[in-house]
Amino acid sequence: MTPNPVFPHALPHLPYAENALEPAISARTLSHHHGKHHQGYVDALNKLIAGTGFADMSLKEVITATAGQSTHAKVFNNAAQAWNHDFYWRSLKPGGGGVPPLAIRPLIDASFGSVEACTAALATAATERFGSGWVWLVQDGGALAVMHSANADVPAQGRRPLLVIDVWEHAYYLDYQEKRAVHVQAVLDKLIHWGFAADNLG
């Protein structure tokens, strides 16, 4: 969708068909997650920033300008959730998982010891994250790290996000109910887009 002056932010198209991530993520879940939750954040943001100085800013600029500002918490939450979700869709791909490309493997091995250890660290962080939030693979200086963030939060400045896993309940509950760990493992085994992570290296 193309932004317009009244509604400057638009819901980005998915980079694949709604059924392309099955069976790990069903078309029903993807339709609700993208078309209702993600769309809801974009719509709310457009309403909140209408007629304000934020209306002419990019999504990243809005997030930076409102982070930690209690008076703009609603703007930040919706902007960050819109950005997080767009990054999440691109962190997945049909036929994902497997062996990361050579461009990122030396950093994975140096930071975690092996691809398997990196995947295990992501799985543990995503499974043990209490409440809603996100689990990120980030580049922190010359090393990689796994971190999690609560609710709409994004990685702290200086940490470059490479990929993310959504652990809000709406990301998996229709397919897996309370079995978050099963969902996370399916994402890591079948969908995680290591090439996207490599492309994001600084």
C-alpha atoms as a PDB file:
ATOM      1  CA  MET A   1       0.000   0.000   0.000  1.00  0.00           C
ATOM      2  CA  THR A   2       1.189   3.524  -0.819  1.00  0.00           C
ATOM      3  CA  PRO A   3       1.201   6.183   1.921  1.00  0.00           C
ATOM      4  CA  ASN A   4      -0.745   9.390   1.382  1.00  0.00           C
ATOM      5  CA  PRO A   5      -0.513  12.810   3.082  1.00  0.00           C
ATOM      6  CA  VAL A   6      -3.503  12.051   5.336  1.00  0.00           C
ATOM      7  CA  PHE A   7      -2.311   8.587   6.331  1.00  0.00           C
ATOM      8  CA  PRO A   8       1.488   8.714   5.930  1.00  0.00           C
ATOM      9  CA  HIS A   9       2.142   5.141   7.056  1.00  0.00           C
ATOM     10  CA  ALA A  10       0.761   2.140   5.204  1.00  0.00           C
ATOM     11  CA  LEU A  11       0.652  -1.555   5.950  1.00  0.00           C
ATOM     12  CA  PRO A  12       3.489  -3.172   3.972  1.00  0.00           C
ATOM     13  CA  HIS A  13       2.666  -6.176   1.844  1.00  0.00           C
ATOM     14  CA  LEU A  14       3.817  -9.554   3.106  1.00  0.00           C
ATOM     15  CA  PRO A  15       6.881 -10.820   1.216  1.00  0.00           C
ATOM     16  CA  TYR A  16       5.055 -14.134   0.552  1.00  0.00           C
ATOM     17  CA  ALA A  17       1.525 -15.510   0.261  1.00  0.00           C
ATOM     18  CA  GLU A  18      -0.551 -15.921   3.431  1.00  0.00           C
ATOM     19  CA  ASN A  19      -0.343 -19.719   3.162  1.00  0.00           C
ATOM     20  CA  ALA A  20       3.370 -19.802   2.333  1.00  0.00           C
ATOM     21  CA  LEU A  21       4.520 -20.462   5.912  1.00  0.00           C
ATOM     22  CA  GLU A  22       2.299 -23.484   6.500  1.00  0.00           C
ATOM     23  CA  PRO A  23       2.339 -25.775   8.385  1.00  0.00           C
ATOM     24  CA  ALA A  24       4.583 -23.916  10.866  1.00  0.00           C
ATOM     25  CA  ILE A  25       2.336 -20.826  10.744  1.00  0.00           C
ATOM     26  CA  SER A  26      -1.149 -21.220   9.294  1.00  0.00           C
ATOM     27  CA  ALA A  27      -2.730 -18.898   6.757  1.00  0.00           C
ATOM     28  CA  ARG A  28      -5.415 -18.154   9.360  1.00  0.00           C
ATOM     29  CA  THR A  29      -2.828 -16.966  11.874  1.00  0.00           C
ATOM     30  CA  LEU A  30      -0.937 -14.946   9.267  1.00  0.00           C
ATOM     31  CA  SER A  31      -4.134 -13.312   8.030  1.00  0.00           C
ATOM     32  CA  HIS A  32      -5.126 -12.247  11.556  1.00  0.00           C
ATOM     33  CA  HIS A  33      -1.615 -11.264  12.585  1.00  0.00           C
ATOM     34  CA  HIS A  34      -0.826  -9.178   9.512  1.00  0.00           C
ATOM     35  CA  GLY A  35      -4.269  -7.990   8.469  1.00  0.00           C
ATOM     36  CA  LYS A  36      -5.670  -7.185  11.908  1.00  0.00           C
ATOM     37  CA  HIS A  37      -2.856  -6.731  14.458  1.00  0.00           C
ATOM     38  CA  HIS A  38      -0.241  -5.127  12.219  1.00  0.00           C
ATOM     39  CA  GLN A  39      -2.899  -3.120  10.388  1.00  0.00           C
ATOM     40  CA  GLY A  40      -4.275  -1.972  13.739  1.00  0.00           C
ATOM     41  CA  TYR A  41      -0.920  -0.531  14.810  1.00  0.00           C
ATOM     42  CA  VAL A  42      -0.539   1.325  11.507  1.00  0.00           C
ATOM     43  CA  ASP A  43      -4.074   2.725  11.674  1.00  0.00           C
ATOM     44  CA  ALA A  44      -3.681   3.811  15.302  1.00  0.00           C
ATOM     45  CA  LEU A  45      -0.346   5.486  14.554  1.00  0.00           C
ATOM     46  CA  ASN A  46      -1.789   7.456  11.642  1.00  0.00           C
ATOM     47  CA  LYS A  47      -4.604   8.750  13.845  1.00  0.00           C
ATOM     48  CA  LEU A  48      -2.263   9.647  16.719  1.00  0.00           C
ATOM     49  CA  ILE A  49       0.188  11.635  14.608  1.00  0.00           C
ATOM     50  CA  ALA A  50      -2.319  13.438  12.386  1.00  0.00           C
ATOM     51  CA  GLY A  51      -1.665  17.175  12.583  1.00  0.00           C
ATOM     52  CA  THR A  52       1.458  16.783  14.722  1.00  0.00           C
ATOM     53  CA  GLY A  53       5.161  17.195  14.040  1.00  0.00           C
ATOM     54  CA  PHE A  54       5.456  13.403  13.793  1.00  0.00           C
ATOM     55  CA  ALA A  55       3.332  13.262  10.643  1.00  0.00           C
ATOM     56  CA  ASP A  56       6.265  14.104   8.357  1.00  0.00           C
ATOM     57  CA  MET A  57       8.694  11.666  10.001  1.00  0.00           C
ATOM     58  CA  SER A  58       9.664   8.193   8.883  1.00  0.00           C
ATOM     59  CA  LEU A  59       8.712   5.291  11.134  1.00  0.00           C
ATOM     60  CA  LYS A  60      12.256   5.065  12.523  1.00  0.00           C
ATOM     61  CA  GLU A  61      12.348   8.808  13.172  1.00  0.00           C
ATOM     62  CA  VAL A  62       9.057   8.622  15.088  1.00  0.00           C
ATOM     63  CA  ILE A  63      10.411   5.759  17.216  1.00  0.00           C
ATOM     64  CA  THR A  64      13.621   7.654  17.995  1.00  0.00           C
ATOM     65  CA  ALA A  65      11.777  10.875  18.809  1.00  0.00           C
ATOM     66  CA  THR A  66       9.279   9.218  21.172  1.00  0.00           C
ATOM     67  CA  ALA A  67      11.344   6.507  22.898  1.00  0.00           C
ATOM     68  CA  GLY A  68      11.278   6.962  26.660  1.00  0.00           C
ATOM     69  CA  GLN A  69       8.860   9.902  26.425  1.00  0.00           C
ATOM     70  CA  SER A  70       5.865   9.137  28.661  1.00  0.00           C
ATOM     71  CA  THR A  71       3.774  11.853  27.022  1.00  0.00           C
ATOM     72  CA  HIS A  72       4.189  10.116  23.654  1.00  0.00           C
ATOM     73  CA  ALA A  73       3.963   6.502  24.847  1.00  0.00           C
ATOM     74  CA  LYS A  74       0.997   5.671  22.602  1.00  0.00           C
ATOM     75  CA  VAL A  75       2.774   7.025  19.544  1.00  0.00           C
ATOM     76  CA  PHE A  76       5.933   5.098  20.386  1.00  0.00           C
ATOM     77  CA  ASN A  77       4.097   1.831  21.074  1.00  0.00           C
ATOM     78  CA  ASN A  78       2.203   1.884  17.792  1.00  0.00           C
ATOM     79  CA  ALA A  79       5.166   3.068  15.722  1.00  0.00           C
ATOM     80  CA  ALA A  80       7.494   0.488  17.246  1.00  0.00           C
ATOM     81  CA  GLN A  81       4.966  -2.308  16.836  1.00  0.00           C
ATOM     82  CA  ALA A  82       4.463  -1.363  13.191  1.00  0.00           C
ATOM     83  CA  TRP A  83       8.235  -1.417  12.637  1.00  0.00           C
ATOM     84  CA  ASN A  84       8.790  -4.612  14.646  1.00  0.00           C
ATOM     85  CA  HIS A  85       6.150  -6.471  12.677  1.00  0.00           C
ATOM     86  CA  ASP A  86       7.541  -5.416   9.314  1.00  0.00           C
ATOM     87  CA  PHE A  87      10.974  -6.631  10.449  1.00  0.00           C
ATOM     88  CA  TYR A  88       9.431  -9.871  11.702  1.00  0.00           C
ATOM     89  CA  TRP A  89       7.781 -10.735   8.381  1.00  0.00           C
ATOM     90  CA  ARG A  90      11.126 -10.315   6.672  1.00  0.00           C
ATOM     91  CA  SER A  91      12.836 -12.481   9.315  1.00  0.00           C
ATOM     92  CA  LEU A  92      10.817 -15.444   8.027  1.00  0.00           C
ATOM     93  CA  LYS A  93      10.695 -17.196   4.683  1.00  0.00           C
ATOM     94  CA  PRO A  94       9.152 -20.349   3.241  1.00  0.00           C
ATOM     95  CA  GLY A  95      11.723 -23.119   3.444  1.00  0.00           C
ATOM     96  CA  GLY A  96      13.813 -21.247   5.988  1.00  0.00           C
ATOM     97  CA  GLY A  97      15.946 -22.571   8.814  1.00  0.00           C
ATOM     98  CA  GLY A  98      18.838 -24.803   7.920  1.00  0.00           C
ATOM     99  CA  VAL A  99      22.404 -23.614   7.479  1.00  0.00           C
ATOM    100  CA  PRO A 100      23.115 -19.849   7.543  1.00  0.00           C
ATOM    101  CA  PRO A 101      25.049 -18.366   4.606  1.00  0.00           C
ATOM    102  CA  LEU A 102      28.818 -18.055   4.767  1.00  0.00           C
ATOM    103  CA  ALA A 103      28.569 -14.287   5.247  1.00  0.00           C
ATOM    104  CA  ILE A 104      27.307 -14.727   8.810  1.00  0.00           C
ATOM    105  CA  ARG A 105      28.571 -18.158   9.890  1.00  0.00           C
ATOM    106  CA  PRO A 106      32.000 -17.034  11.181  1.00  0.00           C
ATOM    107  CA  LEU A 107      30.300 -14.480  13.457  1.00  0.00           C
ATOM    108  CA  ILE A 108      27.833 -17.083  14.686  1.00  0.00           C
ATOM    109  CA  ASP A 109      30.636 -19.531  15.451  1.00  0.00           C
ATOM    110  CA  ALA A 110      32.741 -16.865  17.177  1.00  0.00           C
ATOM    111  CA  SER A 111      29.835 -15.575  19.261  1.00  0.00           C
ATOM    112  CA  PHE A 112      28.016 -18.805  20.152  1.00  0.00           C
ATOM    113  CA  GLY A 113      30.354 -21.664  19.271  1.00  0.00           C
ATOM    114  CA  SER A 114      28.086 -23.127  16.592  1.00  0.00           C
ATOM    115  CA  VAL A 115      24.882 -22.556  14.626  1.00  0.00           C
ATOM    116  CA  GLU A 116      23.173 -25.085  16.878  1.00  0.00           C
ATOM    117  CA  ALA A 117      24.172 -23.119  19.980  1.00  0.00           C
ATOM    118  CA  CYS A 118      22.901 -19.877  18.422  1.00  0.00           C
ATOM    119  CA  THR A 119      19.581 -21.502  17.574  1.00  0.00           C
ATOM    120  CA  ALA A 120      19.343 -22.940  21.079  1.00  0.00           C
ATOM    121  CA  ALA A 121      19.986 -19.499  22.583  1.00  0.00           C
ATOM    122  CA  LEU A 122      17.203 -18.014  20.468  1.00  0.00           C
ATOM    123  CA  ALA A 123      14.851 -20.842  21.440  1.00  0.00           C
ATOM    124  CA  THR A 124      15.614 -20.459  25.144  1.00  0.00           C
ATOM    125  CA  ALA A 125      15.165 -16.688  25.093  1.00  0.00           C
ATOM    126  CA  ALA A 126      11.896 -16.944  23.140  1.00  0.00           C
ATOM    127  CA  THR A 127      10.489 -19.699  25.333  1.00  0.00           C
ATOM    128  CA  GLU A 128      11.499 -18.146  28.650  1.00  0.00           C
ATOM    129  CA  ARG A 129      10.548 -14.560  27.773  1.00  0.00           C
ATOM    130  CA  PHE A 130       7.886 -13.709  30.388  1.00  0.00           C
ATOM    131  CA  GLY A 131       4.844 -12.033  28.889  1.00  0.00           C
ATOM    132  CA  SER A 132       4.601 -10.368  25.515  1.00  0.00           C
ATOM    133  CA  GLY A 133       7.594  -9.201  23.547  1.00  0.00           C
ATOM    134  CA  TRP A 134      10.251  -9.984  20.994  1.00  0.00           C
ATOM    135  CA  VAL A 135      13.476 -12.003  20.809  1.00  0.00           C
ATOM    136  CA  TRP A 136      16.240 -10.593  18.648  1.00  0.00           C
ATOM    137  CA  LEU A 137      19.495 -11.697  17.111  1.00  0.00           C
ATOM    138  CA  VAL A 138      21.577  -8.512  17.155  1.00  0.00           C
ATOM    139  CA  GLN A 139      25.023  -7.378  16.145  1.00  0.00           C
ATOM    140  CA  ASP A 140      26.688  -5.669  19.079  1.00  0.00           C
ATOM    141  CA  GLY A 141      30.030  -4.317  17.922  1.00  0.00           C
ATOM    142  CA  GLY A 142      32.003  -7.192  16.458  1.00  0.00           C
ATOM    143  CA  ALA A 143      29.900  -9.942  18.006  1.00  0.00           C
ATOM    144  CA  LEU A 144      26.386 -11.335  17.811  1.00  0.00           C
ATOM    145  CA  ALA A 145      24.046 -11.632  20.778  1.00  0.00           C
ATOM    146  CA  VAL A 146      20.540 -12.779  21.614  1.00  0.00           C
ATOM    147  CA  MET A 147      18.339 -10.332  23.517  1.00  0.00           C
ATOM    148  CA  HIS A 148      14.666  -9.899  24.266  1.00  0.00           C
ATOM    149  CA  SER A 149      12.498  -6.817  24.575  1.00  0.00           C
ATOM    150  CA  ALA A 150       9.161  -6.294  26.286  1.00  0.00           C
ATOM    151  CA  ASN A 151       5.938  -5.300  24.583  1.00  0.00           C
ATOM    152  CA  ALA A 152       6.796  -2.816  21.788  1.00  0.00           C
ATOM    153  CA  ASP A 153      10.411  -2.126  22.722  1.00  0.00           C
ATOM    154  CA  VAL A 154      13.155  -2.269  20.088  1.00  0.00           C
ATOM    155  CA  PRO A 155      16.865  -3.067  20.524  1.00  0.00           C
ATOM    156  CA  ALA A 156      18.838  -0.321  22.245  1.00  0.00           C
ATOM    157  CA  GLN A 157      20.776   2.103  20.088  1.00  0.00           C
ATOM    158  CA  GLY A 158      24.113   0.617  19.064  1.00  0.00           C
ATOM    159  CA  ARG A 159      22.697  -2.891  18.716  1.00  0.00           C
ATOM    160  CA  ARG A 160      21.886  -3.663  15.097  1.00  0.00           C
ATOM    161  CA  PRO A 161      18.891  -6.010  14.720  1.00  0.00           C
ATOM    162  CA  LEU A 162      19.505  -8.924  12.366  1.00  0.00           C
ATOM    163  CA  LEU A 163      16.302 -10.916  12.824  1.00  0.00           C
ATOM    164  CA  VAL A 164      13.448 -11.203  15.309  1.00  0.00           C
ATOM    165  CA  ILE A 165      10.924 -13.712  16.656  1.00  0.00           C
ATOM    166  CA  ASP A 166       7.522 -12.456  17.807  1.00  0.00           C
ATOM    167  CA  VAL A 167       6.471 -14.045  21.109  1.00  0.00           C
ATOM    168  CA  TRP A 168       3.235 -12.135  21.613  1.00  0.00           C
ATOM    169  CA  GLU A 169       0.418 -14.662  22.018  1.00  0.00           C
ATOM    170  CA  HIS A 170      -1.334 -13.474  18.864  1.00  0.00           C
ATOM    171  CA  ALA A 171       1.676 -14.737  16.867  1.00  0.00           C
ATOM    172  CA  TYR A 172       0.982 -18.369  17.711  1.00  0.00           C
ATOM    173  CA  TYR A 173      -2.132 -18.962  19.827  1.00  0.00           C
ATOM    174  CA  LEU A 174      -4.516 -19.950  17.015  1.00  0.00           C
ATOM    175  CA  ASP A 175      -2.084 -22.676  15.926  1.00  0.00           C
ATOM    176  CA  TYR A 176      -0.375 -23.751  19.148  1.00  0.00           C
ATOM    177  CA  GLN A 177      -2.482 -22.397  22.042  1.00  0.00           C
ATOM    178  CA  GLU A 178      -0.205 -22.184  25.102  1.00  0.00           C
ATOM    179  CA  LYS A 179       2.617 -24.218  23.489  1.00  0.00           C
ATOM    180  CA  ARG A 180       4.925 -21.323  22.710  1.00  0.00           C
ATOM    181  CA  ALA A 181       8.019 -23.535  22.736  1.00  0.00           C
ATOM    182  CA  VAL A 182       6.604 -25.732  19.957  1.00  0.00           C
ATOM    183  CA  HIS A 183       5.853 -22.674  17.842  1.00  0.00           C
ATOM    184  CA  VAL A 184       9.319 -21.213  18.430  1.00  0.00           C
ATOM    185  CA  GLN A 185      11.018 -24.450  17.429  1.00  0.00           C
ATOM    186  CA  ALA A 186       8.926 -24.656  14.249  1.00  0.00           C
ATOM    187  CA  VAL A 187       9.932 -21.098  13.348  1.00  0.00           C
ATOM    188  CA  LEU A 188      13.613 -21.806  13.935  1.00  0.00           C
ATOM    189  CA  ASP A 189      13.578 -25.145  12.119  1.00  0.00           C
ATOM    190  CA  LYS A 190      11.387 -24.229   9.148  1.00  0.00           C
ATOM    191  CA  LEU A 191      11.083 -20.468   8.692  1.00  0.00           C
ATOM    192  CA  ILE A 192      13.926 -18.373  10.105  1.00  0.00           C
ATOM    193  CA  HIS A 193      15.566 -16.337   7.341  1.00  0.00           C
ATOM    194  CA  TRP A 194      19.306 -16.510   7.920  1.00  0.00           C
ATOM    195  CA  GLY A 195      19.918 -14.704   4.625  1.00  0.00           C
ATOM    196  CA  PHE A 196      17.976 -11.688   5.913  1.00  0.00           C
ATOM    197  CA  ALA A 197      20.139 -11.709   9.054  1.00  0.00           C
ATOM    198  CA  ALA A 198      23.293 -11.783   6.922  1.00  0.00           C
ATOM    199  CA  ASP A 199      22.004  -8.911   4.770  1.00  0.00           C
ATOM    200  CA  ASN A 200      21.523  -6.786   7.916  1.00  0.00           C
ATOM    201  CA  LEU A 201      25.131  -7.103   9.105  1.00  0.00           C
ATOM    202  CA  GLY A 202      26.890  -3.781   9.474  1.00  0.00           C
END
